[in-house]
Amino acid sequence: MHSFFEDIGATIPLIQAPMAGAQDEKLAIAIAQKGGIGSIACARLELNEISTSARQFRDQSSGPLNLNFFCHAVAPRDAQREAVWQKELSRHYTENALGFDYPTDVALYAIDAETVDIICAIKPEVVSFHFGMPPKDFVDRIRATGSKIIASATTLKEALYLEEQGCDAVIAQGCEAGGHQGVFLPTENITPLPMIELVTRCVVALNIPIIAAGGIADDKTIRAAMQAGAIGVQIGTRFLKTPESTIPSRHRALLDGQGVQETAITNVFTGRPARGFVTKLVQELGPMNPNVQTFPLAISAITHLKTATKGSDDFDAMWAGQNWEIGQEKPAADVVDELATGFDNS
């Protein structure tokens, strides 16, 4: 096993993907207790909630912890773009007797100086970033505590940038991945790369370790990723099918094959591309709608509809990777035991 994992106390080269809104520390604890890296997604957590979750993790596991943060910039409101997006949604607002006076504040946090204070107090074994990297002084402060720094790349250009910024490893996130694609550099006219192709390109071009992500759900896909040169894998969707995940029953039903049978990368729920089940709203407006509001402002309009319709499947983003069909619901520890066979002789 590569020293990246050995140095932080992992006994298998597996990172549980951080999944904001779909997990809490219970899933991270279960993975860490089996030798992997347990992740807590912090994008939706207040600072005190980050501290509480990390403390509960430390109380119940001596394994490695990864705290994950978004690095997005919040764009200013654009009245013209907002009006165009409201027009796209007008039929649904009319049908549900709603006005466009939805809240503009979105409980989705990007890393800031106060967050760095919390991270440095917790001293997680790993700190990971999505949508790029934070300012250098943030990274330097975190690194000084001994934490490993990793971040997601969806293209070779992004991976090379992350290496230049001092990442200890890069997560090569293929287009098969569920949830938000970690895109942070311009990608006009660039076709999203599958995991194997992206890993292969990154392994050849970079001098730091590559961790594979996207569509990895069983021992076969793990072996393929490792054979392509990855030192380990990051897995998310497979862990949604566990009692430790916090997804609602309707999301579990879809993962169990009841209803929609297709996923796609769509921007209609948040304003950024993310892979999830093709629900009614995706069929009607997307999957990639040019009129969507900028991330994360787009979330408010859809959340208002979701709330008004009491969580209707039509307006709920139910993220899932391309290989969502693989595996049955079972405890996370049992899933890790299944997956671990993929690392044999790798």
Protein backbone atom coordinates (compact mmCIF):
# COMPACT_ATOMS: atom_id res chain seq x y z
CA MET A 1 0.00 0.00 0.00
CA HIS A 2 1.23 3.48 -0.84
CA SER A 3 2.84 5.50 1.93
CA PHE A 4 0.17 8.22 1.56
CA PHE A 5 -2.32 5.89 3.25
CA GLU A 6 0.16 4.21 5.59
CA ASP A 7 1.43 7.53 6.95
CA ILE A 8 -2.05 8.55 8.15
CA GLY A 9 -2.96 5.21 9.65
CA ALA A 10 -5.25 3.73 6.98
CA THR A 11 -5.00 -0.03 6.47
CA ILE A 12 -6.84 -0.05 3.14
CA PRO A 13 -6.44 2.59 0.38
CA LEU A 14 -10.05 3.71 0.43
CA ILE A 15 -11.55 7.12 1.07
CA GLN A 16 -15.27 7.40 1.75
CA ALA A 17 -16.40 10.24 -0.49
CA PRO A 18 -17.69 13.26 1.44
CA MET A 19 -21.38 13.68 0.53
CA ALA A 20 -22.95 16.88 1.83
CA GLY A 21 -26.58 16.35 2.77
CA ALA A 22 -26.35 12.56 2.45
CA GLN A 23 -24.26 11.60 5.48
CA ASP A 24 -23.02 12.63 8.88
CA GLU A 25 -20.16 11.44 11.07
CA LYS A 26 -21.75 7.99 11.54
CA LEU A 27 -20.79 6.90 8.04
CA ALA A 28 -17.27 8.30 8.45
CA ILE A 29 -16.85 6.44 11.73
CA ALA A 30 -17.96 3.15 10.18
CA ILE A 31 -15.44 3.46 7.34
CA ALA A 32 -12.56 4.49 9.60
CA GLN A 33 -13.27 1.59 11.97
CA LYS A 34 -12.69 -0.75 9.02
CA GLY A 35 -9.35 0.81 8.07
CA GLY A 36 -10.38 3.35 5.45
CA ILE A 37 -10.47 7.13 5.60
CA GLY A 38 -13.78 8.43 6.93
CA SER A 39 -14.90 11.77 5.52
CA ILE A 40 -17.16 14.46 6.94
CA ALA A 41 -18.65 16.79 4.34
CA CYS A 42 -18.54 20.29 5.83
CA ALA A 43 -20.14 22.38 3.07
CA ARG A 44 -23.51 22.47 4.85
CA LEU A 45 -22.24 22.58 8.42
CA GLU A 46 -21.96 25.54 10.75
CA LEU A 47 -18.58 25.86 12.47
CA ASN A 48 -19.87 24.44 15.75
CA GLU A 49 -21.36 21.49 13.84
CA ILE A 50 -17.98 20.74 12.27
CA SER A 51 -16.38 20.66 15.71
CA THR A 52 -19.14 18.48 17.15
CA SER A 53 -19.00 15.98 14.29
CA ALA A 54 -15.21 15.74 14.49
CA ARG A 55 -15.34 15.25 18.26
CA GLN A 56 -17.87 12.45 17.91
CA PHE A 57 -15.66 10.86 15.26
CA ARG A 58 -12.61 10.99 17.55
CA ASP A 59 -14.64 9.57 20.44
CA GLN A 60 -15.65 6.52 18.44
CA SER A 61 -12.74 5.88 16.10
CA SER A 62 -8.97 6.07 16.14
CA GLY A 63 -8.88 5.88 12.35
CA PRO A 64 -8.03 8.68 9.91
CA LEU A 65 -10.43 11.58 9.40
CA ASN A 66 -10.92 13.67 6.27
CA LEU A 67 -12.69 17.03 6.52
CA ASN A 68 -13.96 18.22 3.13
CA PHE A 69 -14.65 21.82 2.12
CA PHE A 70 -15.99 23.66 -0.90
CA CYS A 71 -13.87 26.44 -2.44
CA HIS A 72 -16.51 28.10 -4.58
CA ALA A 73 -16.86 31.85 -4.97
CA VAL A 74 -20.34 33.22 -4.36
CA ALA A 75 -21.26 35.37 -7.33
CA PRO A 76 -23.27 38.57 -6.77
CA ARG A 77 -26.94 38.45 -7.62
CA ASP A 78 -27.72 39.25 -11.24
CA ALA A 79 -31.29 40.54 -11.58
CA GLN A 80 -31.43 39.87 -15.32
CA ARG A 81 -30.20 36.29 -15.00
CA GLU A 82 -32.50 35.72 -12.05
CA ALA A 83 -35.49 36.88 -14.10
CA VAL A 84 -34.59 34.49 -16.92
CA TRP A 85 -34.34 31.59 -14.49
CA GLN A 86 -37.63 32.53 -12.86
CA LYS A 87 -39.25 32.43 -16.29
CA GLU A 88 -37.97 28.88 -16.76
CA LEU A 89 -39.56 27.89 -13.47
CA SER A 90 -42.71 30.01 -13.75
CA ARG A 91 -45.05 27.14 -14.61
CA HIS A 92 -44.09 25.22 -11.50
CA TYR A 93 -44.38 28.31 -9.30
CA THR A 94 -47.83 29.06 -10.71
CA GLU A 95 -49.04 25.47 -10.27
CA ASN A 96 -47.96 25.57 -6.62
CA ALA A 97 -49.30 29.09 -5.96
CA LEU A 98 -45.86 30.43 -5.13
CA GLY A 99 -44.33 33.85 -5.54
CA PHE A 100 -40.70 34.46 -6.37
CA ASP A 101 -39.96 35.81 -2.91
CA TYR A 102 -37.86 32.82 -1.90
CA PRO A 103 -34.96 33.25 0.52
CA THR A 104 -31.69 34.26 -1.11
CA ASP A 105 -29.42 32.90 1.62
CA VAL A 106 -28.16 29.41 0.84
CA ALA A 107 -26.76 27.27 3.65
CA LEU A 108 -23.76 26.19 1.63
CA TYR A 109 -20.43 27.35 2.98
CA ALA A 110 -17.06 27.93 1.36
CA ILE A 111 -13.90 27.73 3.45
CA ASP A 112 -12.87 30.96 5.17
CA ALA A 113 -10.43 32.09 7.87
CA GLU A 114 -12.71 31.05 10.74
CA THR A 115 -13.06 27.63 9.19
CA VAL A 116 -9.28 27.30 9.03
CA ASP A 117 -9.14 28.02 12.78
CA ILE A 118 -11.50 25.10 13.37
CA ILE A 119 -9.52 22.79 11.07
CA CYS A 120 -6.26 23.62 12.83
CA ALA A 121 -7.85 22.87 16.21
CA ILE A 122 -9.18 19.51 15.02
CA LYS A 123 -6.01 18.45 13.16
CA PRO A 124 -7.65 15.92 10.81
CA GLU A 125 -5.34 13.49 9.06
CA VAL A 126 -6.64 14.72 5.69
CA VAL A 127 -8.25 17.94 4.47
CA SER A 128 -9.83 17.78 1.02
CA PHE A 129 -11.17 20.48 -1.26
CA HIS A 130 -13.81 20.61 -4.00
CA PHE A 131 -14.05 23.33 -6.68
CA GLY A 132 -10.37 24.22 -6.52
CA MET A 133 -8.11 25.33 -3.70
CA PRO A 134 -8.37 27.99 -0.98
CA PRO A 135 -5.82 30.82 -0.62
CA LYS A 136 -2.20 29.77 -0.05
CA ASP A 137 -2.09 31.12 3.50
CA PHE A 138 -5.05 28.88 4.39
CA VAL A 139 -3.27 25.87 2.92
CA ASP A 140 -0.01 26.70 4.68
CA ARG A 141 -1.72 26.98 8.06
CA ILE A 142 -3.49 23.63 7.58
CA ARG A 143 -0.35 21.88 6.37
CA ALA A 144 1.57 23.12 9.41
CA THR A 145 -0.68 20.99 11.63
CA GLY A 146 0.42 17.83 9.79
CA SER A 147 -2.74 17.30 7.73
CA LYS A 148 -2.41 15.89 4.22
CA ILE A 149 -3.92 18.13 1.54
CA ILE A 150 -5.89 16.66 -1.38
CA ALA A 151 -8.35 18.08 -3.91
CA SER A 152 -10.51 16.97 -6.84
CA ALA A 153 -9.64 17.42 -10.51
CA THR A 154 -11.86 16.66 -13.51
CA THR A 155 -9.25 17.42 -16.18
CA LEU A 156 -5.49 17.03 -16.54
CA LYS A 157 -5.16 20.84 -16.50
CA GLU A 158 -6.89 20.98 -13.11
CA ALA A 159 -4.73 18.14 -11.78
CA LEU A 160 -1.53 19.93 -12.82
CA TYR A 161 -2.77 23.11 -11.15
CA LEU A 162 -3.44 21.23 -7.89
CA GLU A 163 0.05 19.76 -8.00
CA GLU A 164 1.48 23.27 -8.43
CA GLN A 165 -0.54 24.42 -5.41
CA GLY A 166 1.14 21.82 -3.23
CA CYS A 167 -1.44 19.04 -2.94
CA ASP A 168 -0.11 15.82 -1.47
CA ALA A 169 -2.37 13.82 -3.81
CA VAL A 170 -5.01 14.52 -6.44
CA ILE A 171 -8.44 12.92 -6.65
CA ALA A 172 -9.03 12.23 -10.34
CA GLN A 173 -12.82 12.51 -10.51
CA GLY A 174 -14.21 10.86 -13.62
CA CYS A 175 -17.51 11.91 -15.16
CA GLU A 176 -19.16 8.76 -13.75
CA ALA A 177 -19.07 10.24 -10.24
CA GLY A 178 -22.29 11.07 -8.41
CA GLY A 179 -22.92 14.50 -6.97
CA HIS A 180 -21.09 17.66 -7.94
CA GLN A 181 -18.31 17.45 -10.46
CA GLY A 182 -15.30 19.24 -9.01
CA VAL A 183 -14.85 21.49 -12.02
CA PHE A 184 -13.03 24.74 -11.24
CA LEU A 185 -11.16 25.76 -14.40
CA PRO A 186 -12.88 26.73 -17.69
CA THR A 187 -14.00 23.64 -19.62
CA GLU A 188 -15.67 25.03 -22.74
CA ASN A 189 -15.62 22.46 -25.54
CA ILE A 190 -13.99 19.89 -23.26
CA THR A 191 -15.64 16.48 -23.06
CA PRO A 192 -15.81 15.17 -19.46
CA LEU A 193 -13.38 12.29 -19.05
CA PRO A 194 -14.20 8.83 -17.71
CA MET A 195 -12.35 7.81 -14.58
CA ILE A 196 -9.91 5.38 -16.21
CA GLU A 197 -8.84 7.84 -18.90
CA LEU A 198 -8.43 10.69 -16.43
CA VAL A 199 -6.45 8.55 -13.99
CA THR A 200 -4.18 7.30 -16.76
CA ARG A 201 -3.45 10.83 -18.01
CA CYS A 202 -2.78 12.12 -14.52
CA VAL A 203 -0.49 9.24 -13.56
CA VAL A 204 1.66 9.91 -16.62
CA ALA A 205 1.83 13.69 -16.18
CA LEU A 206 1.98 14.26 -12.41
CA ASN A 207 4.66 13.54 -9.83
CA ILE A 208 2.25 13.14 -6.91
CA PRO A 209 -0.11 10.23 -6.14
CA ILE A 210 -3.46 9.89 -7.91
CA ILE A 211 -6.62 8.67 -6.17
CA ALA A 212 -9.39 7.46 -8.47
CA ALA A 213 -13.03 8.51 -8.14
CA GLY A 214 -16.13 8.05 -10.30
CA GLY A 215 -18.23 4.94 -10.87
CA ILE A 216 -16.18 2.80 -8.46
CA ALA A 217 -18.60 0.48 -6.70
CA ASP A 218 -17.14 -3.04 -6.52
CA ASP A 219 -13.92 -5.06 -6.54
CA LYS A 220 -13.77 -5.07 -10.35
CA THR A 221 -13.88 -1.30 -10.71
CA ILE A 222 -11.34 -0.96 -7.90
CA ARG A 223 -8.94 -3.29 -9.70
CA ALA A 224 -9.38 -1.34 -12.93
CA ALA A 225 -8.56 1.93 -11.16
CA MET A 226 -5.50 0.48 -9.45
CA GLN A 227 -4.26 -1.09 -12.66
CA ALA A 228 -4.53 2.33 -14.29
CA GLY A 229 -2.03 3.60 -11.73
CA ALA A 230 -4.16 4.97 -8.89
CA ILE A 231 -2.79 4.48 -5.37
CA GLY A 232 -6.30 4.17 -3.95
CA VAL A 233 -9.93 5.02 -4.56
CA GLN A 234 -12.65 7.35 -3.33
CA ILE A 235 -16.14 5.82 -3.23
CA GLY A 236 -19.44 7.55 -2.56
CA THR A 237 -22.59 6.16 -4.16
CA ARG A 238 -21.98 2.61 -2.95
CA PHE A 239 -22.14 3.92 0.63
CA LEU A 240 -25.49 5.60 0.04
CA LYS A 241 -26.96 2.09 0.21
CA THR A 242 -26.12 1.75 3.89
CA PRO A 243 -28.12 2.45 7.05
CA GLU A 244 -25.42 4.96 8.02
CA SER A 245 -26.27 7.30 5.13
CA THR A 246 -28.90 9.96 5.79
CA ILE A 247 -30.73 9.98 2.44
CA PRO A 248 -34.55 9.88 2.49
CA SER A 249 -36.58 6.78 1.65
CA ARG A 250 -37.47 8.00 -1.87
CA HIS A 251 -33.75 8.28 -2.69
CA ARG A 252 -33.16 4.79 -1.33
CA ALA A 253 -36.02 3.50 -3.46
CA LEU A 254 -34.39 4.86 -6.62
CA LEU A 255 -31.08 3.26 -5.66
CA ASP A 256 -33.01 0.03 -5.19
CA GLY A 257 -34.22 0.22 -8.80
CA GLN A 258 -37.71 1.53 -8.09
CA GLY A 259 -38.56 4.24 -10.58
CA VAL A 260 -36.08 6.27 -12.61
CA GLN A 261 -33.35 4.09 -14.06
CA GLU A 262 -31.00 6.72 -15.47
CA THR A 263 -28.53 9.30 -14.17
CA ALA A 264 -27.17 12.36 -15.93
CA ILE A 265 -24.94 15.32 -15.22
CA THR A 266 -27.24 18.29 -14.67
CA ASN A 267 -26.98 21.89 -13.46
CA VAL A 268 -30.68 22.60 -12.87
CA PHE A 269 -30.66 21.98 -9.11
CA THR A 270 -27.66 24.07 -8.08
CA GLY A 271 -26.14 25.89 -11.05
CA ARG A 272 -23.12 23.55 -11.21
CA PRO A 273 -22.86 20.22 -13.03
CA ALA A 274 -23.68 17.27 -10.78
CA ARG A 275 -24.69 13.68 -11.54
CA GLY A 276 -28.02 12.48 -10.23
CA PHE A 277 -31.18 10.66 -11.18
CA VAL A 278 -33.08 12.05 -14.16
CA THR A 279 -36.22 13.31 -12.45
CA LYS A 280 -39.07 15.31 -13.98
CA LEU A 281 -37.34 18.67 -13.59
CA VAL A 282 -34.18 17.40 -15.29
CA GLN A 283 -36.23 16.04 -18.18
CA GLU A 284 -38.10 19.30 -18.58
CA LEU A 285 -35.33 21.87 -18.13
CA GLY A 286 -32.07 20.10 -18.68
CA PRO A 287 -29.97 18.33 -18.11
CA MET A 288 -27.64 21.31 -18.74
CA ASN A 289 -29.74 24.45 -18.88
CA PRO A 290 -27.98 27.65 -20.04
CA ASN A 291 -30.44 29.86 -18.15
CA VAL A 292 -29.80 28.48 -14.69
CA GLN A 293 -28.70 30.93 -12.00
CA THR A 294 -25.10 30.93 -10.85
CA PHE A 295 -24.06 28.43 -8.17
CA PRO A 296 -25.09 28.43 -5.37
CA LEU A 297 -27.84 31.01 -5.94
CA ALA A 298 -29.83 28.59 -8.09
CA ILE A 299 -30.41 26.37 -5.06
CA SER A 300 -32.85 28.79 -3.42
CA ALA A 301 -35.40 28.73 -6.25
CA ILE A 302 -35.47 24.93 -6.41
CA THR A 303 -35.47 24.53 -2.62
CA HIS A 304 -38.50 26.82 -2.43
CA LEU A 305 -40.35 24.49 -4.80
CA LYS A 306 -39.18 21.40 -2.95
CA THR A 307 -40.35 22.82 0.38
CA ALA A 308 -43.72 23.90 -1.00
CA THR A 309 -44.34 20.44 -2.46
CA LYS A 310 -43.19 18.71 0.75
CA GLY A 311 -40.08 17.21 -0.78
CA SER A 312 -41.55 16.11 -4.08
CA ASP A 313 -39.28 13.89 -6.15
CA ASP A 314 -39.80 16.33 -9.03
CA PHE A 315 -37.75 19.03 -7.32
CA ASP A 316 -35.33 17.02 -5.21
CA ALA A 317 -31.76 16.45 -6.31
CA MET A 318 -31.02 12.79 -5.70
CA TRP A 319 -27.37 12.34 -6.56
CA ALA A 320 -26.00 9.02 -7.72
CA GLY A 321 -22.99 7.81 -9.67
CA GLN A 322 -23.15 6.02 -12.98
CA ASN A 323 -22.79 2.55 -11.42
CA TRP A 324 -25.52 3.09 -8.84
CA GLU A 325 -27.09 -0.33 -9.57
CA ILE A 326 -24.15 -2.22 -8.08
CA GLY A 327 -24.64 -3.66 -4.60
CA GLN A 328 -27.46 -4.19 -2.14
CA GLU A 329 -28.23 -2.23 1.02
CA LYS A 330 -26.12 -3.42 3.95
CA PRO A 331 -24.06 -1.92 6.78
CA ALA A 332 -21.07 0.17 5.73
CA ALA A 333 -18.66 -2.21 7.45
CA ASP A 334 -19.92 -5.09 5.30
CA VAL A 335 -19.59 -2.97 2.17
CA VAL A 336 -15.96 -2.24 3.02
CA ASP A 337 -15.30 -5.96 3.47
CA GLU A 338 -16.71 -6.58 -0.02
CA LEU A 339 -14.72 -3.78 -1.58
CA ALA A 340 -11.47 -4.72 0.15
CA THR A 341 -11.02 -7.77 -2.07
CA GLY A 342 -10.42 -5.39 -4.97
CA PHE A 343 -7.13 -4.31 -3.41
CA ASP A 344 -5.74 -7.84 -3.28
CA ASN A 345 -2.51 -8.07 -5.29
CA SER A 346 -2.99 -4.49 -6.52
